[in-house]
């Protein structure tokens, strides 16, 4: 099985020109984390390393949110703070920013989302954390008669692939807007 989406995204973005500003380049680099994790998830699923693939879903989701937020919502000070890996909240300036604050800011800038990101986080955050932090959802074995057997279904594997592919396509759209590149914008999702 070939990772058509990952291959096409790599081909489309490789060598693209972007404005030289921290906001632009850092945002695109965050979206590139999404692309790289989509490819890694695909490879891990093909190798039947489903637990490891699942653990990357949270990383992929966070990178997408942070990339969108950084470009649309972050203050110049927050852009500089990202370079030190210490972004502070605008609500509680002495505290680190939380993903919920980023999502709320994105949805304010993009009202057409109708709370979809907030709802997605509410529905999936606990599970994504469990997968990433060796929680109960990461335990995918069944024991019967003293024998350990993996119990991943093909439906579960497909859902991991679909999740990663959807976020990669959404990140590609954001990269197209950031780079002001009509070829990238028009490449999603119908031609991927």
N, C-alpha and C. Protein backbone atom coordinates (compact mmCIF):
# COMPACT_ATOMS: atom_id res chain seq x y z
N UNK A 1 0.84 -1.18 0.00
CA UNK A 1 0.00 0.00 0.00
C UNK A 1 0.89 1.24 0.00
N UNK A 2 0.52 2.22 -0.81
CA UNK A 2 1.32 3.43 -0.95
C UNK A 2 0.64 4.60 -0.23
N UNK A 3 1.43 5.44 0.40
CA UNK A 3 0.94 6.64 1.06
C UNK A 3 0.82 7.76 0.03
N UNK A 4 -0.24 7.74 -0.72
CA UNK A 4 -0.44 8.69 -1.81
C UNK A 4 -0.51 10.12 -1.28
N UNK A 5 -1.26 10.33 -0.20
CA UNK A 5 -1.40 11.67 0.36
C UNK A 5 -0.05 12.21 0.83
N UNK A 6 0.67 11.42 1.61
CA UNK A 6 1.97 11.86 2.10
C UNK A 6 2.96 12.15 0.99
N UNK A 7 2.96 11.30 -0.03
CA UNK A 7 3.87 11.48 -1.16
C UNK A 7 3.53 12.76 -1.93
N UNK A 8 2.24 12.98 -2.16
CA UNK A 8 1.84 14.18 -2.91
C UNK A 8 2.10 15.46 -2.12
N UNK A 9 1.85 15.41 -0.82
CA UNK A 9 2.13 16.60 0.00
C UNK A 9 3.62 16.93 -0.04
N UNK A 10 4.46 15.92 0.07
CA UNK A 10 5.91 16.15 -0.01
C UNK A 10 6.30 16.76 -1.35
N UNK A 11 5.73 16.23 -2.41
CA UNK A 11 6.06 16.74 -3.75
C UNK A 11 5.58 18.19 -3.93
N UNK A 12 4.40 18.50 -3.40
CA UNK A 12 3.84 19.84 -3.56
C UNK A 12 4.60 20.88 -2.74
N UNK A 13 5.02 20.51 -1.53
CA UNK A 13 5.63 21.49 -0.63
C UNK A 13 7.15 21.58 -0.77
N UNK A 14 7.78 20.56 -1.30
CA UNK A 14 9.23 20.58 -1.43
C UNK A 14 9.67 21.70 -2.37
N UNK A 15 10.49 22.61 -1.85
CA UNK A 15 11.01 23.70 -2.67
C UNK A 15 10.09 24.90 -2.80
N UNK A 16 8.96 24.91 -2.08
CA UNK A 16 8.04 26.05 -2.20
C UNK A 16 8.68 27.30 -1.61
N UNK A 17 8.29 28.43 -2.12
CA UNK A 17 8.79 29.73 -1.64
C UNK A 17 7.80 30.30 -0.64
N UNK A 18 8.34 30.89 0.43
CA UNK A 18 7.51 31.54 1.44
C UNK A 18 8.15 32.86 1.86
N UNK A 19 7.32 33.75 2.39
CA UNK A 19 7.83 35.00 2.91
C UNK A 19 8.75 34.70 4.09
N UNK A 20 9.81 35.46 4.18
CA UNK A 20 10.79 35.22 5.24
C UNK A 20 10.43 36.02 6.49
N UNK A 21 9.57 35.45 7.30
CA UNK A 21 9.26 36.03 8.61
C UNK A 21 9.14 34.88 9.59
N UNK A 22 9.41 35.15 10.86
CA UNK A 22 9.32 34.10 11.86
C UNK A 22 7.92 33.50 11.91
N UNK A 23 6.90 34.34 11.86
CA UNK A 23 5.52 33.86 11.93
C UNK A 23 5.24 32.87 10.80
N UNK A 24 5.64 33.23 9.60
CA UNK A 24 5.39 32.39 8.43
C UNK A 24 6.19 31.09 8.48
N UNK A 25 7.48 31.21 8.68
CA UNK A 25 8.31 30.00 8.62
C UNK A 25 8.02 29.06 9.79
N UNK A 26 7.81 29.61 10.99
CA UNK A 26 7.52 28.74 12.13
C UNK A 26 6.17 28.04 11.97
N UNK A 27 5.19 28.76 11.45
CA UNK A 27 3.89 28.14 11.23
C UNK A 27 4.00 27.01 10.20
N UNK A 28 4.69 27.27 9.13
CA UNK A 28 4.85 26.23 8.10
C UNK A 28 5.64 25.05 8.65
N UNK A 29 6.63 25.32 9.50
CA UNK A 29 7.40 24.23 10.10
C UNK A 29 6.52 23.38 11.01
N UNK A 30 5.58 24.01 11.72
CA UNK A 30 4.64 23.24 12.54
C UNK A 30 3.75 22.36 11.67
N UNK A 31 3.28 22.90 10.55
CA UNK A 31 2.48 22.08 9.64
C UNK A 31 3.32 20.96 9.03
N UNK A 32 4.61 21.22 8.84
CA UNK A 32 5.48 20.16 8.33
C UNK A 32 5.60 19.01 9.35
N UNK A 33 5.50 19.33 10.64
CA UNK A 33 5.46 18.28 11.67
C UNK A 33 4.23 17.39 11.44
N UNK A 34 3.12 18.01 11.07
CA UNK A 34 1.90 17.24 10.74
C UNK A 34 2.19 16.31 9.57
N UNK A 35 2.80 16.84 8.52
CA UNK A 35 3.08 16.03 7.33
C UNK A 35 4.01 14.86 7.67
N UNK A 36 5.06 15.15 8.43
CA UNK A 36 6.01 14.10 8.78
C UNK A 36 5.35 13.02 9.65
N UNK A 37 4.52 13.46 10.59
CA UNK A 37 3.84 12.48 11.44
C UNK A 37 2.81 11.67 10.66
N UNK A 38 2.18 12.27 9.68
CA UNK A 38 1.24 11.51 8.84
C UNK A 38 1.99 10.40 8.12
N UNK A 39 3.16 10.73 7.59
CA UNK A 39 3.96 9.70 6.90
C UNK A 39 4.43 8.63 7.87
N UNK A 40 4.86 9.04 9.07
CA UNK A 40 5.32 8.07 10.08
C UNK A 40 4.18 7.16 10.52
N UNK A 41 3.00 7.74 10.74
CA UNK A 41 1.83 6.94 11.13
C UNK A 41 1.51 5.92 10.06
N UNK A 42 1.52 6.34 8.81
CA UNK A 42 1.26 5.42 7.70
C UNK A 42 2.26 4.26 7.73
N UNK A 43 3.55 4.59 7.84
CA UNK A 43 4.58 3.55 7.85
C UNK A 43 4.41 2.60 9.03
N UNK A 44 4.14 3.15 10.20
CA UNK A 44 3.97 2.31 11.39
C UNK A 44 2.76 1.38 11.27
N UNK A 45 1.67 1.89 10.71
CA UNK A 45 0.49 1.04 10.51
C UNK A 45 0.82 -0.09 9.54
N UNK A 46 1.56 0.22 8.48
CA UNK A 46 1.92 -0.82 7.51
C UNK A 46 2.79 -1.89 8.16
N UNK A 47 3.59 -1.49 9.14
CA UNK A 47 4.45 -2.44 9.85
C UNK A 47 3.73 -3.10 11.02
N UNK A 48 2.45 -2.76 11.22
CA UNK A 48 1.60 -3.28 12.30
C UNK A 48 2.06 -2.83 13.69
N UNK A 49 2.69 -1.66 13.75
CA UNK A 49 3.06 -1.03 15.02
C UNK A 49 1.96 -0.02 15.36
N UNK A 50 0.78 -0.54 15.62
CA UNK A 50 -0.41 0.29 15.77
C UNK A 50 -0.34 1.17 17.02
N UNK A 51 0.19 0.64 18.11
CA UNK A 51 0.32 1.43 19.34
C UNK A 51 1.21 2.64 19.12
N UNK A 52 2.33 2.44 18.47
CA UNK A 52 3.24 3.56 18.20
C UNK A 52 2.60 4.56 17.24
N UNK A 53 1.89 4.07 16.25
CA UNK A 53 1.19 4.97 15.33
C UNK A 53 0.15 5.79 16.08
N UNK A 54 -0.59 5.14 16.96
CA UNK A 54 -1.62 5.83 17.74
C UNK A 54 -1.04 6.94 18.61
N UNK A 55 0.13 6.70 19.17
CA UNK A 55 0.76 7.68 20.06
C UNK A 55 1.09 8.98 19.33
N UNK A 56 1.28 8.90 18.02
CA UNK A 56 1.63 10.10 17.25
C UNK A 56 0.42 10.97 16.90
N UNK A 57 -0.78 10.46 17.10
CA UNK A 57 -1.98 11.22 16.73
C UNK A 57 -2.08 12.54 17.50
N UNK A 58 -1.76 12.51 18.78
CA UNK A 58 -1.82 13.74 19.58
C UNK A 58 -0.79 14.75 19.08
N UNK A 59 0.41 14.29 18.77
CA UNK A 59 1.46 15.17 18.26
C UNK A 59 0.99 15.85 16.97
N UNK A 60 0.40 15.07 16.11
CA UNK A 60 -0.10 15.58 14.83
C UNK A 60 -1.19 16.63 15.06
N UNK A 61 -2.15 16.34 15.93
CA UNK A 61 -3.24 17.26 16.24
C UNK A 61 -2.70 18.57 16.83
N UNK A 62 -1.81 18.45 17.81
CA UNK A 62 -1.25 19.65 18.46
C UNK A 62 -0.45 20.49 17.47
N UNK A 63 0.33 19.87 16.62
CA UNK A 63 1.12 20.62 15.64
C UNK A 63 0.20 21.38 14.68
N UNK A 64 -0.90 20.75 14.28
CA UNK A 64 -1.84 21.43 13.39
C UNK A 64 -2.44 22.66 14.08
N UNK A 65 -2.93 22.47 15.30
CA UNK A 65 -3.54 23.57 16.04
C UNK A 65 -2.52 24.69 16.25
N UNK A 66 -1.33 24.33 16.69
CA UNK A 66 -0.30 25.34 16.97
C UNK A 66 0.09 26.08 15.69
N UNK A 67 0.17 25.38 14.57
CA UNK A 67 0.52 26.02 13.29
C UNK A 67 -0.52 27.03 12.85
N UNK A 68 -1.79 26.66 12.97
CA UNK A 68 -2.88 27.58 12.60
C UNK A 68 -2.88 28.77 13.57
N UNK A 69 -2.81 28.48 14.85
CA UNK A 69 -2.84 29.54 15.87
C UNK A 69 -1.67 30.51 15.71
N UNK A 70 -0.48 29.98 15.50
CA UNK A 70 0.70 30.83 15.39
C UNK A 70 0.54 31.83 14.26
N UNK A 71 0.05 31.37 13.14
CA UNK A 71 -0.07 32.26 11.98
C UNK A 71 -1.21 33.26 12.14
N UNK A 72 -2.35 32.81 12.64
CA UNK A 72 -3.54 33.68 12.70
C UNK A 72 -3.67 34.50 13.98
N UNK A 73 -3.20 33.98 15.10
CA UNK A 73 -3.60 34.54 16.39
C UNK A 73 -2.47 35.00 17.30
N UNK A 74 -1.31 34.45 17.18
CA UNK A 74 -0.23 34.73 18.12
C UNK A 74 0.21 36.19 18.04
N UNK A 75 0.56 36.74 19.18
CA UNK A 75 1.16 38.07 19.20
C UNK A 75 2.61 37.94 18.74
N UNK A 76 3.22 39.05 18.41
CA UNK A 76 4.64 39.01 18.03
C UNK A 76 5.48 38.46 19.18
N UNK A 77 5.11 38.83 20.40
CA UNK A 77 5.83 38.33 21.57
C UNK A 77 5.72 36.81 21.66
N UNK A 78 4.54 36.26 21.39
CA UNK A 78 4.34 34.81 21.43
C UNK A 78 5.12 34.11 20.32
N UNK A 79 5.21 34.74 19.16
CA UNK A 79 6.02 34.17 18.08
C UNK A 79 7.47 34.06 18.55
N UNK A 80 7.98 35.11 19.18
CA UNK A 80 9.35 35.07 19.72
C UNK A 80 9.49 34.02 20.82
N UNK A 81 8.46 33.89 21.65
CA UNK A 81 8.50 32.91 22.73
C UNK A 81 8.55 31.48 22.20
N UNK A 82 7.90 31.23 21.06
CA UNK A 82 7.94 29.89 20.47
C UNK A 82 9.38 29.48 20.17
N UNK A 83 10.17 30.44 19.73
CA UNK A 83 11.57 30.14 19.40
C UNK A 83 12.36 29.72 20.64
N UNK A 84 11.83 30.05 21.83
CA UNK A 84 12.46 29.64 23.08
C UNK A 84 11.68 28.48 23.71
N UNK A 85 10.68 27.98 22.99
CA UNK A 85 9.85 26.86 23.44
C UNK A 85 9.17 27.17 24.77
N UNK A 86 8.70 28.41 24.90
CA UNK A 86 8.06 28.84 26.15
C UNK A 86 7.00 29.90 25.85
N UNK A 87 5.90 29.48 25.23
CA UNK A 87 4.83 30.42 24.86
C UNK A 87 3.96 30.69 26.08
N UNK A 88 3.76 31.97 26.36
CA UNK A 88 2.95 32.38 27.50
C UNK A 88 1.52 32.72 27.04
N UNK A 89 0.60 32.53 27.94
CA UNK A 89 -0.81 32.83 27.71
C UNK A 89 -1.02 34.34 27.65
N UNK A 90 -1.98 34.77 26.86
CA UNK A 90 -2.38 36.18 26.88
C UNK A 90 -3.41 36.42 27.98
N UNK A 91 -4.05 35.36 28.43
CA UNK A 91 -5.05 35.45 29.50
C UNK A 91 -4.37 35.47 30.87
N UNK A 92 -3.40 34.58 31.05
CA UNK A 92 -2.61 34.51 32.29
C UNK A 92 -1.14 34.58 31.90
N UNK A 93 -0.61 35.79 31.68
CA UNK A 93 0.72 35.98 31.10
C UNK A 93 1.89 35.31 31.83
N UNK A 94 1.74 34.94 33.08
CA UNK A 94 2.83 34.27 33.78
C UNK A 94 2.79 32.75 33.58
N UNK A 95 1.71 32.28 32.99
CA UNK A 95 1.53 30.84 32.77
C UNK A 95 1.78 30.50 31.29
N UNK A 96 2.11 29.25 31.05
CA UNK A 96 2.24 28.78 29.67
C UNK A 96 0.86 28.70 29.03
N UNK A 97 0.83 28.90 27.74
CA UNK A 97 -0.45 28.82 27.02
C UNK A 97 -0.89 27.37 26.93
N UNK A 98 -2.19 27.16 26.99
CA UNK A 98 -2.76 25.83 26.84
C UNK A 98 -3.41 25.71 25.46
N UNK A 99 -3.54 24.49 25.00
CA UNK A 99 -4.13 24.23 23.69
C UNK A 99 -5.55 24.78 23.60
N UNK A 100 -6.29 24.75 24.69
CA UNK A 100 -7.66 25.27 24.69
C UNK A 100 -7.67 26.76 24.35
N UNK A 101 -6.73 27.51 24.88
CA UNK A 101 -6.64 28.94 24.56
C UNK A 101 -6.36 29.15 23.08
N UNK A 102 -5.49 28.32 22.53
CA UNK A 102 -5.19 28.42 21.10
C UNK A 102 -6.43 28.12 20.27
N UNK A 103 -7.14 27.06 20.65
CA UNK A 103 -8.35 26.67 19.91
C UNK A 103 -9.39 27.77 19.98
N UNK A 104 -9.60 28.35 21.16
CA UNK A 104 -10.58 29.44 21.30
C UNK A 104 -10.21 30.62 20.42
N UNK A 105 -8.91 30.94 20.36
CA UNK A 105 -8.46 32.06 19.52
C UNK A 105 -8.67 31.75 18.03
N UNK A 106 -8.38 30.53 17.63
CA UNK A 106 -8.59 30.13 16.23
C UNK A 106 -10.06 30.25 15.87
N UNK A 107 -10.92 29.74 16.73
CA UNK A 107 -12.35 29.75 16.42
C UNK A 107 -12.92 31.16 16.41
N UNK A 108 -12.30 32.06 17.13
CA UNK A 108 -12.71 33.47 17.07
C UNK A 108 -12.33 34.06 15.72
N UNK A 109 -11.15 33.70 15.22
CA UNK A 109 -10.69 34.18 13.91
C UNK A 109 -11.38 33.47 12.75
N UNK A 110 -11.85 32.25 13.00
CA UNK A 110 -12.47 31.44 11.95
C UNK A 110 -13.86 30.98 12.41
N UNK A 111 -14.81 31.92 12.50
CA UNK A 111 -16.13 31.57 13.05
C UNK A 111 -16.87 30.50 12.24
N UNK A 112 -16.49 30.31 10.99
CA UNK A 112 -17.14 29.29 10.17
C UNK A 112 -16.90 27.87 10.69
N UNK A 113 -15.93 27.71 11.60
CA UNK A 113 -15.68 26.39 12.19
C UNK A 113 -16.79 25.95 13.14
N UNK A 114 -17.59 26.91 13.60
CA UNK A 114 -18.75 26.61 14.47
C UNK A 114 -18.39 25.72 15.66
N UNK A 115 -17.24 25.97 16.27
CA UNK A 115 -16.86 25.21 17.45
C UNK A 115 -16.35 23.81 17.18
N UNK A 116 -16.06 23.47 15.92
CA UNK A 116 -15.65 22.11 15.57
C UNK A 116 -14.35 21.69 16.25
N UNK A 117 -13.38 22.58 16.32
CA UNK A 117 -12.10 22.22 16.96
C UNK A 117 -12.30 22.01 18.46
N UNK A 118 -13.07 22.89 19.08
CA UNK A 118 -13.34 22.76 20.51
C UNK A 118 -14.07 21.44 20.79
N UNK A 119 -15.04 21.13 19.97
CA UNK A 119 -15.79 19.89 20.14
C UNK A 119 -14.89 18.66 19.91
N UNK A 120 -14.04 18.75 18.90
CA UNK A 120 -13.11 17.65 18.62
C UNK A 120 -12.21 17.41 19.83
N UNK A 121 -11.66 18.49 20.39
CA UNK A 121 -10.78 18.35 21.55
C UNK A 121 -11.55 17.76 22.74
N UNK A 122 -12.75 18.25 22.98
CA UNK A 122 -13.56 17.73 24.08
C UNK A 122 -13.81 16.23 23.93
N UNK A 123 -14.06 15.79 22.70
CA UNK A 123 -14.40 14.39 22.46
C UNK A 123 -13.18 13.45 22.41
N UNK A 124 -12.02 13.98 22.07
CA UNK A 124 -10.88 13.10 21.78
C UNK A 124 -9.64 13.33 22.63
N UNK A 125 -9.56 14.44 23.35
CA UNK A 125 -8.33 14.78 24.05
C UNK A 125 -7.92 13.72 25.07
N UNK A 126 -8.85 13.25 25.86
CA UNK A 126 -8.54 12.25 26.87
C UNK A 126 -7.96 10.98 26.21
N UNK A 127 -8.56 10.55 25.13
CA UNK A 127 -8.07 9.37 24.42
C UNK A 127 -6.71 9.60 23.79
N UNK A 128 -6.50 10.78 23.20
CA UNK A 128 -5.21 11.09 22.60
C UNK A 128 -4.11 11.09 23.66
N UNK A 129 -4.42 11.64 24.83
CA UNK A 129 -3.45 11.64 25.92
C UNK A 129 -3.16 10.22 26.39
N UNK A 130 -4.18 9.40 26.49
CA UNK A 130 -4.00 8.01 26.91
C UNK A 130 -3.07 7.27 25.94
N UNK A 131 -3.27 7.51 24.65
CA UNK A 131 -2.44 6.86 23.64
C UNK A 131 -0.99 7.33 23.70
N UNK A 132 -0.80 8.62 23.93
CA UNK A 132 0.54 9.19 23.94
C UNK A 132 1.30 8.88 25.23
N UNK A 133 0.57 8.83 26.35
CA UNK A 133 1.22 8.70 27.64
C UNK A 133 1.08 7.31 28.27
N UNK A 134 1.04 6.28 27.44
CA UNK A 134 0.96 4.89 27.91
C UNK A 134 -0.21 4.65 28.84
N UNK A 135 -1.34 5.26 28.50
CA UNK A 135 -2.56 5.04 29.27
C UNK A 135 -3.25 3.76 28.85
N UNK A 136 -4.41 3.54 29.42
CA UNK A 136 -5.14 2.29 29.21
C UNK A 136 -5.48 2.06 27.73
N UNK A 137 -5.71 3.15 26.97
CA UNK A 137 -6.03 2.97 25.55
C UNK A 137 -4.86 2.41 24.77
N UNK A 138 -3.65 2.57 25.29
CA UNK A 138 -2.47 2.05 24.61
C UNK A 138 -2.31 0.54 24.83
N UNK A 139 -2.99 0.00 25.83
CA UNK A 139 -2.88 -1.43 26.11
C UNK A 139 -3.80 -2.19 25.16
N UNK A 140 -3.21 -2.77 24.16
CA UNK A 140 -4.00 -3.36 23.09
C UNK A 140 -3.84 -4.87 23.01
N UNK A 141 -3.58 -5.45 24.13
CA UNK A 141 -3.40 -6.90 24.15
C UNK A 141 -4.52 -7.54 24.93
N UNK A 142 -4.79 -8.77 24.58
CA UNK A 142 -5.74 -9.56 25.35
C UNK A 142 -5.01 -10.81 25.83
N UNK A 143 -5.31 -11.20 27.03
CA UNK A 143 -4.71 -12.40 27.59
C UNK A 143 -5.78 -13.47 27.72
N UNK A 144 -5.47 -14.64 27.20
CA UNK A 144 -6.39 -15.77 27.31
C UNK A 144 -5.55 -17.02 27.49
N UNK A 145 -5.80 -17.72 28.56
CA UNK A 145 -5.06 -18.95 28.82
C UNK A 145 -3.56 -18.71 28.95
N UNK A 146 -3.18 -17.54 29.48
CA UNK A 146 -1.77 -17.23 29.65
C UNK A 146 -1.07 -16.80 28.38
N UNK A 147 -1.83 -16.62 27.28
CA UNK A 147 -1.24 -16.25 26.00
C UNK A 147 -1.62 -14.80 25.67
N UNK A 148 -0.63 -14.00 25.25
CA UNK A 148 -0.85 -12.62 24.87
C UNK A 148 -1.05 -12.53 23.35
N UNK A 149 -2.12 -11.86 22.93
CA UNK A 149 -2.43 -11.72 21.52
C UNK A 149 -2.81 -10.28 21.22
N UNK A 150 -2.24 -9.67 20.19
CA UNK A 150 -2.63 -8.33 19.79
C UNK A 150 -4.06 -8.39 19.27
N UNK A 151 -4.82 -7.32 19.55
CA UNK A 151 -6.22 -7.34 19.14
C UNK A 151 -6.64 -6.11 18.35
N UNK A 152 -5.77 -5.56 17.56
CA UNK A 152 -6.13 -4.41 16.73
C UNK A 152 -6.98 -4.86 15.56
N UNK A 153 -8.04 -4.13 15.31
CA UNK A 153 -8.88 -4.45 14.16
C UNK A 153 -8.43 -3.62 12.96
N UNK A 154 -8.81 -4.07 11.79
CA UNK A 154 -8.49 -3.31 10.59
C UNK A 154 -9.24 -1.98 10.58
N UNK A 155 -10.42 -1.96 11.21
CA UNK A 155 -11.18 -0.70 11.31
C UNK A 155 -10.41 0.33 12.13
N UNK A 156 -9.80 -0.13 13.23
CA UNK A 156 -9.02 0.77 14.06
C UNK A 156 -7.80 1.30 13.29
N UNK A 157 -7.11 0.42 12.61
CA UNK A 157 -5.96 0.83 11.80
C UNK A 157 -6.37 1.85 10.75
N UNK A 158 -7.49 1.59 10.09
CA UNK A 158 -7.98 2.53 9.07
C UNK A 158 -8.36 3.87 9.67
N UNK A 159 -8.93 3.86 10.89
CA UNK A 159 -9.32 5.13 11.52
C UNK A 159 -8.08 5.96 11.86
N UNK A 160 -6.99 5.33 12.24
CA UNK A 160 -5.74 6.04 12.51
C UNK A 160 -5.23 6.68 11.22
N UNK A 161 -5.25 5.92 10.15
CA UNK A 161 -4.80 6.46 8.86
C UNK A 161 -5.67 7.62 8.40
N UNK A 162 -6.98 7.47 8.53
CA UNK A 162 -7.90 8.54 8.11
C UNK A 162 -7.72 9.80 8.94
N UNK A 163 -7.56 9.65 10.25
CA UNK A 163 -7.33 10.78 11.15
C UNK A 163 -6.10 11.55 10.69
N UNK A 164 -5.00 10.84 10.50
CA UNK A 164 -3.74 11.50 10.14
C UNK A 164 -3.83 12.12 8.75
N UNK A 165 -4.52 11.48 7.85
CA UNK A 165 -4.65 12.01 6.50
C UNK A 165 -5.51 13.28 6.48
N UNK A 166 -6.61 13.28 7.24
CA UNK A 166 -7.48 14.47 7.29
C UNK A 166 -6.71 15.68 7.82
N UNK A 167 -5.95 15.48 8.91
CA UNK A 167 -5.22 16.61 9.47
C UNK A 167 -4.09 17.05 8.54
N UNK A 168 -3.46 16.13 7.84
CA UNK A 168 -2.42 16.51 6.88
C UNK A 168 -3.02 17.34 5.75
N UNK A 169 -4.18 16.97 5.27
CA UNK A 169 -4.83 17.73 4.21
C UNK A 169 -5.25 19.12 4.71
N UNK A 170 -5.75 19.19 5.95
CA UNK A 170 -6.10 20.50 6.51
C UNK A 170 -4.85 21.36 6.67
N UNK A 171 -3.75 20.77 7.12
CA UNK A 171 -2.51 21.54 7.24
C UNK A 171 -2.00 21.99 5.88
N UNK A 172 -2.16 21.16 4.88
CA UNK A 172 -1.75 21.55 3.53
C UNK A 172 -2.53 22.79 3.08
N UNK A 173 -3.82 22.82 3.36
CA UNK A 173 -4.61 24.00 3.01
C UNK A 173 -4.10 25.25 3.71
N UNK A 174 -3.74 25.09 4.99
CA UNK A 174 -3.20 26.23 5.74
C UNK A 174 -1.86 26.68 5.16
N UNK A 175 -1.01 25.74 4.80
CA UNK A 175 0.28 26.08 4.19
C UNK A 175 0.06 26.82 2.87
N UNK A 176 -0.91 26.38 2.10
CA UNK A 176 -1.21 27.08 0.84
C UNK A 176 -1.60 28.52 1.08
N UNK A 177 -2.42 28.76 2.11
CA UNK A 177 -2.83 30.13 2.43
C UNK A 177 -1.64 30.95 2.93
N UNK A 178 -0.85 30.37 3.80
CA UNK A 178 0.31 31.08 4.37
C UNK A 178 1.30 31.44 3.27
N UNK A 179 1.58 30.48 2.39
CA UNK A 179 2.55 30.69 1.32
C UNK A 179 1.95 31.46 0.15
N UNK A 180 0.65 31.70 0.22
CA UNK A 180 -0.08 32.37 -0.87
C UNK A 180 0.22 31.67 -2.20
N UNK A 181 0.10 30.35 -2.15
CA UNK A 181 0.43 29.51 -3.30
C UNK A 181 -0.84 28.84 -3.81
N UNK A 182 -1.32 29.30 -4.92
CA UNK A 182 -2.57 28.80 -5.50
C UNK A 182 -2.47 27.32 -5.87
N UNK A 183 -1.28 26.85 -6.26
CA UNK A 183 -1.11 25.44 -6.61
C UNK A 183 -1.32 24.54 -5.39
N UNK A 184 -0.84 25.00 -4.24
CA UNK A 184 -1.03 24.22 -3.02
C UNK A 184 -2.49 24.30 -2.59
N UNK A 185 -3.07 25.47 -2.62
CA UNK A 185 -4.47 25.64 -2.22
C UNK A 185 -5.38 24.78 -3.09
N UNK A 186 -5.15 24.79 -4.37
CA UNK A 186 -6.04 24.03 -5.28
C UNK A 186 -5.76 22.54 -5.25
N UNK A 187 -4.64 22.12 -4.66
CA UNK A 187 -4.30 20.69 -4.60
C UNK A 187 -5.09 19.94 -3.56
N UNK A 188 -5.78 20.61 -2.69
CA UNK A 188 -6.46 19.90 -1.62
C UNK A 188 -7.94 20.02 -1.76
N UNK A 189 -8.75 19.14 -1.25
CA UNK A 189 -8.37 17.74 -1.07
C UNK A 189 -8.67 16.92 -2.31
N UNK A 190 -9.35 17.52 -3.30
CA UNK A 190 -9.82 16.73 -4.44
C UNK A 190 -8.72 16.07 -5.25
N UNK A 191 -7.54 16.70 -5.33
CA UNK A 191 -6.49 16.12 -6.17
C UNK A 191 -5.50 15.27 -5.40
N UNK A 192 -5.67 15.18 -4.10
CA UNK A 192 -4.74 14.34 -3.33
C UNK A 192 -5.18 12.90 -3.36
